[in-house]
Amino acid sequence: MPTVQVEGRGSFEVEAGKKLVLTLEDNGVDILHRCGGHARCTTCRVEILEGDAGPIGEGEEAVREKKGITELNIRLSCQIRVHTDLTVKPVMTASESGMEPGNRPED
């Protein structure tokens, strides 16, 4: 099982293939995901500090371009399926933004 390390929040094992946004949420990280995991809003962004988050798909690339996200290590956690060990840092959480977490994405 891969391990996800969240900067400042600890680490946890993950079922291979699970969406990163769900992994974070299930382990107490109040990650935002306003669009329900459909790669539209970018509120679930994470910084990949270590590990391979996999390729950027067409949907994620389109929204990154639209929102001006150019850093390759900034990814949408709703579009990452965990297959290897990762170290990540959420860009924004619900508690930091004063917003409520969004709709739970589909697995």
N, C-alpha and C. Protein backbone atom coordinates (compact mmCIF):
# COMPACT_ATOMS: atom_id res chain seq x y z
N MET A 1 0.84 -1.19 0.00
CA MET A 1 0.00 0.00 0.00
C MET A 1 0.88 1.25 0.00
N PRO A 2 0.54 2.21 -0.84
CA PRO A 2 1.29 3.46 -0.84
C PRO A 2 1.03 4.25 0.45
N THR A 3 1.97 5.13 0.78
CA THR A 3 1.84 6.01 1.93
C THR A 3 1.77 7.45 1.46
N VAL A 4 0.84 8.20 2.02
CA VAL A 4 0.74 9.63 1.74
C VAL A 4 1.16 10.37 3.00
N GLN A 5 2.17 11.22 2.85
CA GLN A 5 2.63 12.09 3.93
C GLN A 5 2.08 13.48 3.64
N VAL A 6 1.36 14.05 4.61
CA VAL A 6 0.82 15.40 4.46
C VAL A 6 1.62 16.31 5.37
N GLU A 7 2.28 17.29 4.77
CA GLU A 7 3.15 18.17 5.54
C GLU A 7 2.41 18.76 6.74
N GLY A 8 2.98 18.55 7.92
CA GLY A 8 2.42 19.09 9.15
C GLY A 8 1.24 18.32 9.71
N ARG A 9 0.86 17.21 9.06
CA ARG A 9 -0.34 16.49 9.51
C ARG A 9 -0.14 14.99 9.65
N GLY A 10 1.02 14.48 9.33
CA GLY A 10 1.28 13.06 9.49
C GLY A 10 1.17 12.28 8.19
N SER A 11 1.21 10.95 8.33
CA SER A 11 1.16 10.09 7.15
C SER A 11 0.17 8.95 7.38
N PHE A 12 -0.26 8.36 6.26
CA PHE A 12 -1.21 7.26 6.34
C PHE A 12 -1.10 6.40 5.09
N GLU A 13 -1.43 5.13 5.26
CA GLU A 13 -1.42 4.20 4.13
C GLU A 13 -2.71 4.37 3.34
N VAL A 14 -2.61 4.13 2.04
CA VAL A 14 -3.73 4.35 1.13
C VAL A 14 -3.91 3.13 0.25
N GLU A 15 -5.15 2.81 0.01
CA GLU A 15 -5.45 1.77 -0.97
C GLU A 15 -5.01 2.26 -2.34
N ALA A 16 -4.21 1.48 -3.04
CA ALA A 16 -3.72 1.88 -4.36
C ALA A 16 -4.89 2.18 -5.29
N GLY A 17 -4.80 3.30 -6.00
CA GLY A 17 -5.83 3.69 -6.95
C GLY A 17 -6.88 4.64 -6.41
N LYS A 18 -6.85 4.90 -5.10
CA LYS A 18 -7.84 5.80 -4.50
C LYS A 18 -7.51 7.25 -4.84
N LYS A 19 -8.54 8.07 -5.04
CA LYS A 19 -8.32 9.49 -5.33
C LYS A 19 -7.66 10.16 -4.12
N LEU A 20 -6.69 11.00 -4.41
CA LEU A 20 -5.97 11.69 -3.34
C LEU A 20 -6.90 12.56 -2.51
N VAL A 21 -7.84 13.26 -3.13
CA VAL A 21 -8.75 14.13 -2.38
C VAL A 21 -9.55 13.33 -1.36
N LEU A 22 -9.97 12.13 -1.70
CA LEU A 22 -10.73 11.29 -0.77
C LEU A 22 -9.82 10.78 0.35
N THR A 23 -8.60 10.44 -0.01
CA THR A 23 -7.63 9.99 0.97
C THR A 23 -7.38 11.08 2.01
N LEU A 24 -7.20 12.30 1.54
CA LEU A 24 -6.98 13.42 2.46
C LEU A 24 -8.19 13.61 3.37
N GLU A 25 -9.36 13.67 2.77
CA GLU A 25 -10.59 13.89 3.54
C GLU A 25 -10.82 12.77 4.55
N ASP A 26 -10.63 11.53 4.13
CA ASP A 26 -10.86 10.39 5.02
C ASP A 26 -9.88 10.35 6.19
N ASN A 27 -8.78 11.09 6.08
CA ASN A 27 -7.77 11.09 7.13
C ASN A 27 -7.69 12.44 7.85
N GLY A 28 -8.80 13.18 7.83
CA GLY A 28 -8.93 14.37 8.65
C GLY A 28 -8.42 15.67 8.08
N VAL A 29 -8.00 15.68 6.81
CA VAL A 29 -7.58 16.93 6.19
C VAL A 29 -8.82 17.57 5.58
N ASP A 30 -9.15 18.78 5.99
CA ASP A 30 -10.37 19.44 5.53
C ASP A 30 -10.14 20.12 4.18
N ILE A 31 -9.79 19.30 3.21
CA ILE A 31 -9.49 19.78 1.86
C ILE A 31 -10.77 20.27 1.18
N LEU A 32 -10.64 21.35 0.46
CA LEU A 32 -11.77 21.87 -0.31
C LEU A 32 -11.90 21.08 -1.61
N HIS A 33 -13.11 20.93 -2.08
CA HIS A 33 -13.37 20.33 -3.40
C HIS A 33 -14.77 20.74 -3.81
N ARG A 34 -14.90 22.00 -4.11
CA ARG A 34 -16.21 22.62 -4.36
C ARG A 34 -16.95 22.03 -5.56
N CYS A 35 -16.24 21.57 -6.56
CA CYS A 35 -16.93 21.07 -7.77
C CYS A 35 -17.23 19.58 -7.69
N GLY A 36 -16.93 18.95 -6.56
CA GLY A 36 -17.24 17.54 -6.42
C GLY A 36 -16.29 16.61 -7.17
N GLY A 37 -15.09 17.08 -7.42
CA GLY A 37 -14.08 16.21 -8.04
C GLY A 37 -14.11 16.16 -9.55
N HIS A 38 -14.63 17.20 -10.18
CA HIS A 38 -14.77 17.19 -11.64
C HIS A 38 -13.76 18.08 -12.35
N ALA A 39 -12.67 18.46 -11.69
CA ALA A 39 -11.59 19.27 -12.28
C ALA A 39 -12.10 20.57 -12.87
N ARG A 40 -12.91 21.28 -12.11
CA ARG A 40 -13.42 22.57 -12.59
C ARG A 40 -13.03 23.74 -11.71
N CYS A 41 -12.90 23.53 -10.40
CA CYS A 41 -12.79 24.69 -9.50
C CYS A 41 -11.38 24.96 -8.98
N THR A 42 -10.53 24.02 -8.93
CA THR A 42 -9.14 24.09 -8.43
C THR A 42 -9.03 24.32 -6.92
N THR A 43 -10.10 24.18 -6.16
CA THR A 43 -10.01 24.39 -4.71
C THR A 43 -9.29 23.24 -4.00
N CYS A 44 -9.13 22.11 -4.64
CA CYS A 44 -8.48 20.95 -4.01
C CYS A 44 -6.99 20.86 -4.34
N ARG A 45 -6.40 21.97 -4.75
CA ARG A 45 -4.99 21.96 -5.15
C ARG A 45 -4.08 21.52 -4.01
N VAL A 46 -3.05 20.76 -4.39
CA VAL A 46 -1.99 20.36 -3.47
C VAL A 46 -0.66 20.61 -4.15
N GLU A 47 0.34 20.83 -3.33
CA GLU A 47 1.71 20.91 -3.82
C GLU A 47 2.33 19.54 -3.62
N ILE A 48 2.85 18.96 -4.69
CA ILE A 48 3.53 17.67 -4.60
C ILE A 48 4.97 17.96 -4.19
N LEU A 49 5.33 17.55 -2.99
CA LEU A 49 6.66 17.80 -2.47
C LEU A 49 7.62 16.67 -2.82
N GLU A 50 7.11 15.45 -2.83
CA GLU A 50 7.92 14.28 -3.20
C GLU A 50 7.00 13.22 -3.78
N GLY A 51 7.54 12.45 -4.71
CA GLY A 51 6.80 11.34 -5.28
C GLY A 51 6.25 11.67 -6.66
N ASP A 52 5.67 10.65 -7.27
CA ASP A 52 5.12 10.75 -8.62
C ASP A 52 3.60 10.70 -8.55
N ALA A 53 2.96 11.83 -8.85
CA ALA A 53 1.50 11.91 -8.81
C ALA A 53 0.87 11.44 -10.12
N GLY A 54 1.68 11.00 -11.06
CA GLY A 54 1.16 10.54 -12.34
C GLY A 54 1.01 11.69 -13.33
N PRO A 55 0.62 11.34 -14.54
CA PRO A 55 0.50 12.37 -15.58
C PRO A 55 -0.70 13.28 -15.35
N ILE A 56 -0.61 14.47 -15.91
CA ILE A 56 -1.72 15.42 -15.88
C ILE A 56 -2.63 15.10 -17.05
N GLY A 57 -3.90 14.79 -16.75
CA GLY A 57 -4.87 14.45 -17.79
C GLY A 57 -5.40 15.69 -18.50
N GLU A 58 -6.15 15.47 -19.55
CA GLU A 58 -6.69 16.56 -20.37
C GLU A 58 -7.57 17.52 -19.57
N GLY A 59 -8.48 16.98 -18.75
CA GLY A 59 -9.38 17.83 -17.97
C GLY A 59 -8.63 18.69 -16.97
N GLU A 60 -7.67 18.09 -16.29
CA GLU A 60 -6.87 18.85 -15.33
C GLU A 60 -6.02 19.89 -16.05
N GLU A 61 -5.43 19.53 -17.17
CA GLU A 61 -4.61 20.47 -17.93
C GLU A 61 -5.43 21.66 -18.39
N ALA A 62 -6.65 21.42 -18.85
CA ALA A 62 -7.51 22.51 -19.33
C ALA A 62 -7.83 23.50 -18.22
N VAL A 63 -8.19 23.00 -17.04
CA VAL A 63 -8.54 23.91 -15.94
C VAL A 63 -7.29 24.60 -15.39
N ARG A 64 -6.16 23.91 -15.38
CA ARG A 64 -4.92 24.55 -14.95
C ARG A 64 -4.58 25.73 -15.87
N GLU A 65 -4.72 25.50 -17.16
CA GLU A 65 -4.44 26.57 -18.13
C GLU A 65 -5.41 27.73 -17.95
N LYS A 66 -6.69 27.40 -17.81
CA LYS A 66 -7.72 28.43 -17.64
C LYS A 66 -7.48 29.28 -16.39
N LYS A 67 -7.03 28.64 -15.30
CA LYS A 67 -6.82 29.33 -14.03
C LYS A 67 -5.40 29.87 -13.88
N GLY A 68 -4.55 29.66 -14.89
CA GLY A 68 -3.19 30.20 -14.85
C GLY A 68 -2.24 29.46 -13.93
N ILE A 69 -2.49 28.19 -13.70
CA ILE A 69 -1.60 27.38 -12.86
C ILE A 69 -0.51 26.81 -13.75
N THR A 70 0.71 27.27 -13.55
CA THR A 70 1.81 26.84 -14.42
C THR A 70 2.82 25.94 -13.73
N GLU A 71 2.83 25.95 -12.39
CA GLU A 71 3.79 25.13 -11.64
C GLU A 71 3.43 23.66 -11.79
N LEU A 72 4.37 22.84 -12.26
CA LEU A 72 4.09 21.43 -12.50
C LEU A 72 3.86 20.64 -11.21
N ASN A 73 4.34 21.16 -10.08
CA ASN A 73 4.15 20.45 -8.81
C ASN A 73 2.85 20.83 -8.11
N ILE A 74 2.06 21.73 -8.69
CA ILE A 74 0.74 22.06 -8.15
C ILE A 74 -0.28 21.27 -8.95
N ARG A 75 -1.00 20.41 -8.25
CA ARG A 75 -1.94 19.50 -8.91
C ARG A 75 -3.30 19.55 -8.25
N LEU A 76 -4.30 19.05 -8.96
CA LEU A 76 -5.66 18.93 -8.41
C LEU A 76 -5.76 17.56 -7.76
N SER A 77 -5.99 17.53 -6.45
CA SER A 77 -6.01 16.25 -5.75
C SER A 77 -7.17 15.36 -6.18
N CYS A 78 -8.21 15.95 -6.76
CA CYS A 78 -9.34 15.15 -7.24
C CYS A 78 -9.00 14.39 -8.51
N GLN A 79 -7.89 14.73 -9.15
CA GLN A 79 -7.51 14.08 -10.40
C GLN A 79 -6.34 13.12 -10.24
N ILE A 80 -5.86 12.97 -9.02
CA ILE A 80 -4.72 12.09 -8.76
C ILE A 80 -5.21 10.80 -8.12
N ARG A 81 -4.83 9.70 -8.72
CA ARG A 81 -5.06 8.38 -8.13
C ARG A 81 -3.72 7.95 -7.53
N VAL A 82 -3.73 7.63 -6.25
CA VAL A 82 -2.49 7.31 -5.54
C VAL A 82 -2.03 5.90 -5.91
N HIS A 83 -0.82 5.83 -6.47
CA HIS A 83 -0.22 4.54 -6.82
C HIS A 83 1.16 4.37 -6.21
N THR A 84 1.78 5.48 -5.78
CA THR A 84 3.10 5.43 -5.17
C THR A 84 3.09 6.34 -3.94
N ASP A 85 4.14 6.24 -3.14
CA ASP A 85 4.27 7.11 -1.98
C ASP A 85 4.33 8.56 -2.43
N LEU A 86 3.62 9.43 -1.71
CA LEU A 86 3.58 10.85 -2.02
C LEU A 86 3.75 11.67 -0.75
N THR A 87 4.38 12.82 -0.88
CA THR A 87 4.40 13.83 0.17
C THR A 87 3.76 15.06 -0.43
N VAL A 88 2.70 15.54 0.23
CA VAL A 88 1.93 16.66 -0.31
C VAL A 88 1.69 17.73 0.75
N LYS A 89 1.34 18.91 0.25
CA LYS A 89 0.94 20.02 1.11
C LYS A 89 -0.30 20.64 0.49
N PRO A 90 -1.44 20.61 1.18
CA PRO A 90 -2.63 21.27 0.64
C PRO A 90 -2.37 22.76 0.44
N VAL A 91 -2.81 23.30 -0.69
CA VAL A 91 -2.65 24.73 -0.96
C VAL A 91 -3.63 25.52 -0.11
N MET A 92 -4.84 24.99 0.06
CA MET A 92 -5.85 25.66 0.87
C MET A 92 -6.76 24.61 1.50
N THR A 93 -7.11 24.81 2.74
CA THR A 93 -8.08 23.93 3.40
C THR A 93 -9.31 24.75 3.76
N ALA A 94 -10.37 24.06 4.09
CA ALA A 94 -11.61 24.74 4.46
C ALA A 94 -11.40 25.64 5.67
N SER A 95 -10.69 25.14 6.68
CA SER A 95 -10.50 25.94 7.89
C SER A 95 -9.65 27.18 7.63
N GLU A 96 -8.69 27.09 6.72
CA GLU A 96 -7.86 28.25 6.39
C GLU A 96 -8.62 29.29 5.58
N SER A 97 -9.59 28.84 4.79
CA SER A 97 -10.31 29.75 3.90
C SER A 97 -11.60 30.28 4.51
N GLY A 98 -12.08 29.63 5.59
CA GLY A 98 -13.35 30.01 6.17
C GLY A 98 -14.54 29.43 5.42
N MET A 99 -14.26 28.56 4.45
CA MET A 99 -15.32 27.93 3.65
C MET A 99 -15.60 26.54 4.19
N GLU A 100 -16.75 26.01 3.82
CA GLU A 100 -17.10 24.64 4.16
C GLU A 100 -16.58 23.71 3.09
N PRO A 101 -16.14 22.50 3.46
CA PRO A 101 -15.73 21.54 2.44
C PRO A 101 -16.86 21.33 1.42
N GLY A 102 -16.50 20.99 0.20
CA GLY A 102 -17.47 20.86 -0.88
C GLY A 102 -18.10 19.48 -0.96
N ASN A 103 -18.67 19.20 -2.10
CA ASN A 103 -19.30 17.91 -2.36
C ASN A 103 -18.24 16.83 -2.41
N ARG A 104 -18.56 15.69 -1.85
CA ARG A 104 -17.61 14.59 -1.88
C ARG A 104 -17.51 14.06 -3.31
N PRO A 105 -16.28 14.01 -3.84
CA PRO A 105 -16.11 13.50 -5.20
C PRO A 105 -16.45 12.02 -5.29
N GLU A 106 -16.77 11.61 -6.48
CA GLU A 106 -16.99 10.19 -6.74
C GLU A 106 -15.65 9.49 -6.72
N ASP A 107 -15.62 8.23 -6.30
CA ASP A 107 -14.38 7.49 -6.26
C ASP A 107 -13.95 7.01 -7.59
